[in-house]
Amino acid sequence: MHEMSLAEGILQIVEDAATRQGFKRVTEVRLEIGALSGVEVEALSFCMDVVLKGSVADGARVELERLPGQGWCLGCGQTVEIAALYDACPKCGSYQIQATGGTEMRVKDLLVE
């Protein structure tokens, strides 16, 4: 499962931050996940619950913020919102769209004690 390795990577980021900054407990982990990132949000949420057990973030609330997909349409020269890679441009119908946003996944911030 792809999302399990993502959850383990997120835990590593959290634990590295705890070591560097000296906090004892994480109460909330906030993530940004782009609509075009290929991440299954429900599966990641489940994996986060499993991976965080017994860690500095055990019991932490995980907030997943979805970011819209964006692309630059070569046909009409506009930045447009797209729901999936290779979607047609909603303005002109062209399929020549280069993704410019919504492909990322990142730890936005942590709430700590």
N, C-alpha and C. Protein backbone atom coordinates (compact mmCIF):
# COMPACT_ATOMS: atom_id res chain seq x y z
N MET A 1 0.85 -1.18 0.00
CA MET A 1 0.00 0.00 0.00
C MET A 1 0.90 1.24 0.00
N HIS A 2 0.76 2.05 -1.01
CA HIS A 2 1.52 3.28 -1.20
C HIS A 2 1.35 4.25 -0.03
N GLU A 3 0.14 4.36 0.48
CA GLU A 3 -0.15 5.32 1.54
C GLU A 3 0.54 4.95 2.85
N MET A 4 0.80 3.66 3.09
CA MET A 4 1.51 3.26 4.31
C MET A 4 2.93 3.81 4.30
N SER A 5 3.62 3.74 3.18
CA SER A 5 4.97 4.30 3.12
C SER A 5 4.94 5.82 3.25
N LEU A 6 3.90 6.46 2.73
CA LEU A 6 3.76 7.91 2.90
C LEU A 6 3.56 8.25 4.38
N ALA A 7 2.72 7.47 5.06
CA ALA A 7 2.47 7.70 6.49
C ALA A 7 3.75 7.51 7.30
N GLU A 8 4.55 6.51 6.95
CA GLU A 8 5.82 6.29 7.65
C GLU A 8 6.79 7.45 7.40
N GLY A 9 6.78 7.99 6.19
CA GLY A 9 7.61 9.16 5.89
C GLY A 9 7.17 10.38 6.68
N ILE A 10 5.87 10.57 6.82
CA ILE A 10 5.34 11.68 7.62
C ILE A 10 5.76 11.53 9.07
N LEU A 11 5.65 10.31 9.60
CA LEU A 11 6.08 10.07 10.98
C LEU A 11 7.56 10.41 11.15
N GLN A 12 8.38 10.07 10.18
CA GLN A 12 9.81 10.39 10.25
C GLN A 12 10.03 11.90 10.31
N ILE A 13 9.27 12.65 9.54
CA ILE A 13 9.36 14.12 9.57
C ILE A 13 8.98 14.63 10.95
N VAL A 14 7.90 14.09 11.51
CA VAL A 14 7.43 14.51 12.84
C VAL A 14 8.48 14.19 13.90
N GLU A 15 9.02 12.98 13.87
CA GLU A 15 10.02 12.60 14.87
C GLU A 15 11.32 13.40 14.72
N ASP A 16 11.73 13.68 13.50
CA ASP A 16 12.92 14.52 13.28
C ASP A 16 12.70 15.92 13.83
N ALA A 17 11.51 16.47 13.62
CA ALA A 17 11.20 17.81 14.15
C ALA A 17 11.21 17.79 15.67
N ALA A 18 10.68 16.72 16.28
CA ALA A 18 10.67 16.62 17.74
C ALA A 18 12.09 16.56 18.29
N THR A 19 12.96 15.84 17.63
CA THR A 19 14.36 15.75 18.06
C THR A 19 15.05 17.10 17.94
N ARG A 20 14.89 17.76 16.79
CA ARG A 20 15.54 19.06 16.56
C ARG A 20 15.02 20.15 17.49
N GLN A 21 13.71 20.18 17.72
CA GLN A 21 13.10 21.29 18.43
C GLN A 21 12.77 20.98 19.89
N GLY A 22 12.91 19.73 20.29
CA GLY A 22 12.78 19.36 21.69
C GLY A 22 11.38 19.32 22.26
N PHE A 23 10.36 19.16 21.44
CA PHE A 23 9.03 19.04 22.03
C PHE A 23 8.75 17.58 22.37
N LYS A 24 7.83 17.38 23.30
CA LYS A 24 7.55 16.04 23.84
C LYS A 24 6.37 15.34 23.18
N ARG A 25 5.42 16.13 22.70
CA ARG A 25 4.20 15.51 22.19
C ARG A 25 3.62 16.35 21.07
N VAL A 26 3.09 15.67 20.06
CA VAL A 26 2.39 16.33 18.95
C VAL A 26 0.90 16.08 19.15
N THR A 27 0.12 17.16 19.15
CA THR A 27 -1.33 17.02 19.33
C THR A 27 -2.09 17.08 18.01
N GLU A 28 -1.47 17.66 16.99
CA GLU A 28 -2.13 17.73 15.68
C GLU A 28 -1.08 17.78 14.58
N VAL A 29 -1.35 17.02 13.51
CA VAL A 29 -0.51 17.02 12.31
C VAL A 29 -1.40 17.51 11.18
N ARG A 30 -0.98 18.59 10.52
CA ARG A 30 -1.78 19.13 9.41
C ARG A 30 -1.03 18.90 8.11
N LEU A 31 -1.74 18.26 7.18
CA LEU A 31 -1.16 17.91 5.89
C LEU A 31 -1.90 18.62 4.77
N GLU A 32 -1.18 18.96 3.72
CA GLU A 32 -1.78 19.47 2.49
C GLU A 32 -1.58 18.39 1.42
N ILE A 33 -2.67 18.03 0.76
CA ILE A 33 -2.61 16.98 -0.25
C ILE A 33 -3.29 17.48 -1.51
N GLY A 34 -2.54 17.54 -2.59
CA GLY A 34 -3.08 18.01 -3.86
C GLY A 34 -3.99 16.99 -4.50
N ALA A 35 -4.99 17.48 -5.21
CA ALA A 35 -5.96 16.62 -5.89
C ALA A 35 -5.29 15.77 -6.97
N LEU A 36 -4.15 16.19 -7.48
CA LEU A 36 -3.45 15.47 -8.54
C LEU A 36 -2.26 14.66 -8.01
N SER A 37 -2.14 14.54 -6.70
CA SER A 37 -0.97 13.88 -6.09
C SER A 37 -1.00 12.37 -6.18
N GLY A 38 -2.16 11.79 -6.45
CA GLY A 38 -2.27 10.33 -6.50
C GLY A 38 -2.40 9.69 -5.13
N VAL A 39 -2.65 10.49 -4.10
CA VAL A 39 -2.79 9.98 -2.75
C VAL A 39 -4.27 9.72 -2.46
N GLU A 40 -4.57 8.53 -1.98
CA GLU A 40 -5.92 8.17 -1.56
C GLU A 40 -6.08 8.65 -0.12
N VAL A 41 -6.83 9.72 0.08
CA VAL A 41 -6.93 10.40 1.37
C VAL A 41 -7.45 9.49 2.47
N GLU A 42 -8.48 8.72 2.19
CA GLU A 42 -9.05 7.83 3.22
C GLU A 42 -8.04 6.77 3.65
N ALA A 43 -7.32 6.20 2.69
CA ALA A 43 -6.31 5.20 3.00
C ALA A 43 -5.16 5.81 3.81
N LEU A 44 -4.74 7.03 3.44
CA LEU A 44 -3.68 7.70 4.19
C LEU A 44 -4.13 7.98 5.62
N SER A 45 -5.35 8.40 5.80
CA SER A 45 -5.89 8.67 7.14
C SER A 45 -5.84 7.41 8.00
N PHE A 46 -6.27 6.29 7.44
CA PHE A 46 -6.22 5.02 8.15
C PHE A 46 -4.78 4.66 8.51
N CYS A 47 -3.87 4.78 7.56
CA CYS A 47 -2.46 4.45 7.79
C CYS A 47 -1.84 5.36 8.84
N MET A 48 -2.22 6.63 8.85
CA MET A 48 -1.68 7.55 9.85
C MET A 48 -2.08 7.10 11.26
N ASP A 49 -3.32 6.66 11.43
CA ASP A 49 -3.78 6.18 12.73
C ASP A 49 -2.92 5.01 13.20
N VAL A 50 -2.58 4.11 12.30
CA VAL A 50 -1.78 2.94 12.64
C VAL A 50 -0.33 3.32 12.94
N VAL A 51 0.27 4.14 12.08
CA VAL A 51 1.69 4.48 12.18
C VAL A 51 2.00 5.35 13.39
N LEU A 52 1.08 6.23 13.77
CA LEU A 52 1.35 7.16 14.87
C LEU A 52 1.27 6.51 16.25
N LYS A 53 0.69 5.33 16.34
CA LYS A 53 0.58 4.63 17.64
C LYS A 53 1.97 4.40 18.22
N GLY A 54 2.13 4.76 19.51
CA GLY A 54 3.40 4.55 20.20
C GLY A 54 4.48 5.56 19.87
N SER A 55 4.15 6.59 19.10
CA SER A 55 5.13 7.61 18.72
C SER A 55 4.88 8.89 19.50
N VAL A 56 5.67 9.90 19.23
CA VAL A 56 5.50 11.21 19.84
C VAL A 56 4.16 11.84 19.45
N ALA A 57 3.56 11.31 18.38
CA ALA A 57 2.27 11.82 17.90
C ALA A 57 1.12 10.85 18.16
N ASP A 58 1.31 9.93 19.09
CA ASP A 58 0.25 8.98 19.43
C ASP A 58 -0.99 9.75 19.90
N GLY A 59 -2.13 9.49 19.27
CA GLY A 59 -3.37 10.16 19.62
C GLY A 59 -3.55 11.53 18.98
N ALA A 60 -2.59 11.97 18.18
CA ALA A 60 -2.69 13.28 17.54
C ALA A 60 -3.82 13.29 16.51
N ARG A 61 -4.44 14.43 16.40
CA ARG A 61 -5.46 14.64 15.37
C ARG A 61 -4.73 14.86 14.05
N VAL A 62 -5.17 14.21 12.99
CA VAL A 62 -4.58 14.39 11.66
C VAL A 62 -5.58 15.14 10.80
N GLU A 63 -5.21 16.33 10.36
CA GLU A 63 -6.07 17.15 9.51
C GLU A 63 -5.51 17.10 8.10
N LEU A 64 -6.35 16.69 7.16
CA LEU A 64 -5.96 16.56 5.76
C LEU A 64 -6.65 17.64 4.94
N GLU A 65 -5.90 18.58 4.43
CA GLU A 65 -6.46 19.66 3.62
C GLU A 65 -6.22 19.35 2.14
N ARG A 66 -7.28 19.30 1.37
CA ARG A 66 -7.17 19.02 -0.07
C ARG A 66 -6.91 20.32 -0.83
N LEU A 67 -5.94 20.28 -1.71
CA LEU A 67 -5.63 21.42 -2.58
C LEU A 67 -6.13 21.09 -3.99
N PRO A 68 -6.74 22.06 -4.68
CA PRO A 68 -7.25 21.78 -6.01
C PRO A 68 -6.13 21.58 -7.03
N GLY A 69 -6.44 20.85 -8.08
CA GLY A 69 -5.50 20.70 -9.18
C GLY A 69 -5.56 21.92 -10.09
N GLN A 70 -4.39 22.34 -10.56
CA GLN A 70 -4.34 23.47 -11.48
C GLN A 70 -3.43 23.12 -12.64
N GLY A 71 -3.71 23.71 -13.77
CA GLY A 71 -2.87 23.49 -14.93
C GLY A 71 -2.84 24.70 -15.84
N TRP A 72 -1.80 24.74 -16.66
CA TRP A 72 -1.65 25.80 -17.66
C TRP A 72 -2.05 25.20 -18.99
N CYS A 73 -3.07 25.77 -19.60
CA CYS A 73 -3.57 25.28 -20.88
C CYS A 73 -2.78 25.92 -22.01
N LEU A 74 -2.15 25.08 -22.81
CA LEU A 74 -1.39 25.60 -23.95
C LEU A 74 -2.32 26.09 -25.06
N GLY A 75 -3.53 25.56 -25.08
CA GLY A 75 -4.51 25.94 -26.12
C GLY A 75 -5.01 27.36 -25.97
N CYS A 76 -5.39 27.74 -24.75
CA CYS A 76 -5.97 29.08 -24.56
C CYS A 76 -5.09 29.99 -23.70
N GLY A 77 -3.99 29.45 -23.19
CA GLY A 77 -3.07 30.28 -22.41
C GLY A 77 -3.60 30.70 -21.06
N GLN A 78 -4.48 29.89 -20.48
CA GLN A 78 -5.10 30.22 -19.20
C GLN A 78 -4.66 29.22 -18.13
N THR A 79 -4.63 29.67 -16.89
CA THR A 79 -4.49 28.77 -15.76
C THR A 79 -5.90 28.32 -15.38
N VAL A 80 -6.11 27.00 -15.33
CA VAL A 80 -7.44 26.46 -15.08
C VAL A 80 -7.38 25.43 -13.96
N GLU A 81 -8.52 25.22 -13.30
CA GLU A 81 -8.63 24.18 -12.28
C GLU A 81 -9.02 22.88 -12.97
N ILE A 82 -8.30 21.80 -12.61
CA ILE A 82 -8.60 20.48 -13.17
C ILE A 82 -8.74 19.47 -12.04
N ALA A 83 -9.58 18.48 -12.24
CA ALA A 83 -9.84 17.47 -11.22
C ALA A 83 -8.89 16.28 -11.34
N ALA A 84 -8.37 16.04 -12.55
CA ALA A 84 -7.49 14.90 -12.76
C ALA A 84 -6.48 15.24 -13.86
N LEU A 85 -5.34 14.57 -13.80
CA LEU A 85 -4.36 14.74 -14.86
C LEU A 85 -5.00 14.31 -16.18
N TYR A 86 -4.66 14.97 -17.23
CA TYR A 86 -5.14 14.67 -18.59
C TYR A 86 -6.61 15.02 -18.80
N ASP A 87 -7.19 15.81 -17.89
CA ASP A 87 -8.54 16.33 -18.13
C ASP A 87 -8.46 17.37 -19.25
N ALA A 88 -9.58 17.59 -19.90
CA ALA A 88 -9.67 18.64 -20.91
C ALA A 88 -9.78 19.99 -20.22
N CYS A 89 -9.33 21.02 -20.90
CA CYS A 89 -9.45 22.39 -20.39
C CYS A 89 -10.93 22.75 -20.29
N PRO A 90 -11.38 23.23 -19.13
CA PRO A 90 -12.80 23.59 -19.00
C PRO A 90 -13.17 24.84 -19.80
N LYS A 91 -12.18 25.58 -20.28
CA LYS A 91 -12.48 26.81 -21.03
C LYS A 91 -12.50 26.58 -22.54
N CYS A 92 -11.53 25.79 -23.06
CA CYS A 92 -11.45 25.65 -24.51
C CYS A 92 -11.54 24.19 -25.00
N GLY A 93 -11.46 23.23 -24.09
CA GLY A 93 -11.58 21.83 -24.47
C GLY A 93 -10.28 21.16 -24.87
N SER A 94 -9.19 21.89 -24.89
CA SER A 94 -7.90 21.34 -25.27
C SER A 94 -7.41 20.33 -24.22
N TYR A 95 -6.68 19.33 -24.69
CA TYR A 95 -6.08 18.36 -23.77
C TYR A 95 -4.60 18.65 -23.53
N GLN A 96 -4.15 19.79 -23.99
CA GLN A 96 -2.75 20.17 -23.80
C GLN A 96 -2.60 21.03 -22.55
N ILE A 97 -2.69 20.36 -21.39
CA ILE A 97 -2.61 21.06 -20.11
C ILE A 97 -1.42 20.52 -19.34
N GLN A 98 -0.60 21.44 -18.87
CA GLN A 98 0.54 21.08 -18.03
C GLN A 98 0.18 21.38 -16.58
N ALA A 99 0.25 20.36 -15.72
CA ALA A 99 -0.08 20.54 -14.31
C ALA A 99 0.88 21.53 -13.67
N THR A 100 0.31 22.50 -12.94
CA THR A 100 1.13 23.50 -12.26
C THR A 100 0.86 23.55 -10.75
N GLY A 101 -0.14 22.84 -10.29
CA GLY A 101 -0.45 22.84 -8.86
C GLY A 101 -1.36 21.69 -8.51
N GLY A 102 -1.31 21.30 -7.25
CA GLY A 102 -2.15 20.21 -6.78
C GLY A 102 -1.49 18.86 -6.89
N THR A 103 -0.21 18.82 -7.23
CA THR A 103 0.51 17.54 -7.34
C THR A 103 1.29 17.23 -6.07
N GLU A 104 1.30 18.15 -5.13
CA GLU A 104 2.16 18.03 -3.96
C GLU A 104 1.45 17.40 -2.76
N MET A 105 2.25 16.92 -1.85
CA MET A 105 1.78 16.49 -0.53
C MET A 105 2.85 16.96 0.46
N ARG A 106 2.43 17.65 1.50
CA ARG A 106 3.42 18.17 2.45
C ARG A 106 2.84 18.25 3.86
N VAL A 107 3.75 18.20 4.83
CA VAL A 107 3.36 18.47 6.22
C VAL A 107 3.30 19.98 6.34
N LYS A 108 2.09 20.49 6.55
CA LYS A 108 1.90 21.94 6.62
C LYS A 108 2.45 22.47 7.94
N ASP A 109 2.01 21.86 9.05
CA ASP A 109 2.53 22.26 10.37
C ASP A 109 2.12 21.24 11.42
N LEU A 110 2.68 21.42 12.60
CA LEU A 110 2.42 20.56 13.74
C LEU A 110 2.00 21.42 14.93
N LEU A 111 1.04 20.94 15.69
CA LEU A 111 0.72 21.55 16.97
C LEU A 111 1.33 20.66 18.03
N VAL A 112 2.12 21.27 18.91
CA VAL A 112 2.93 20.50 19.86
C VAL A 112 2.78 20.99 21.28
N GLU A 113 3.23 20.16 22.21
CA GLU A 113 3.28 20.55 23.63
C GLU A 113 4.71 20.48 24.09
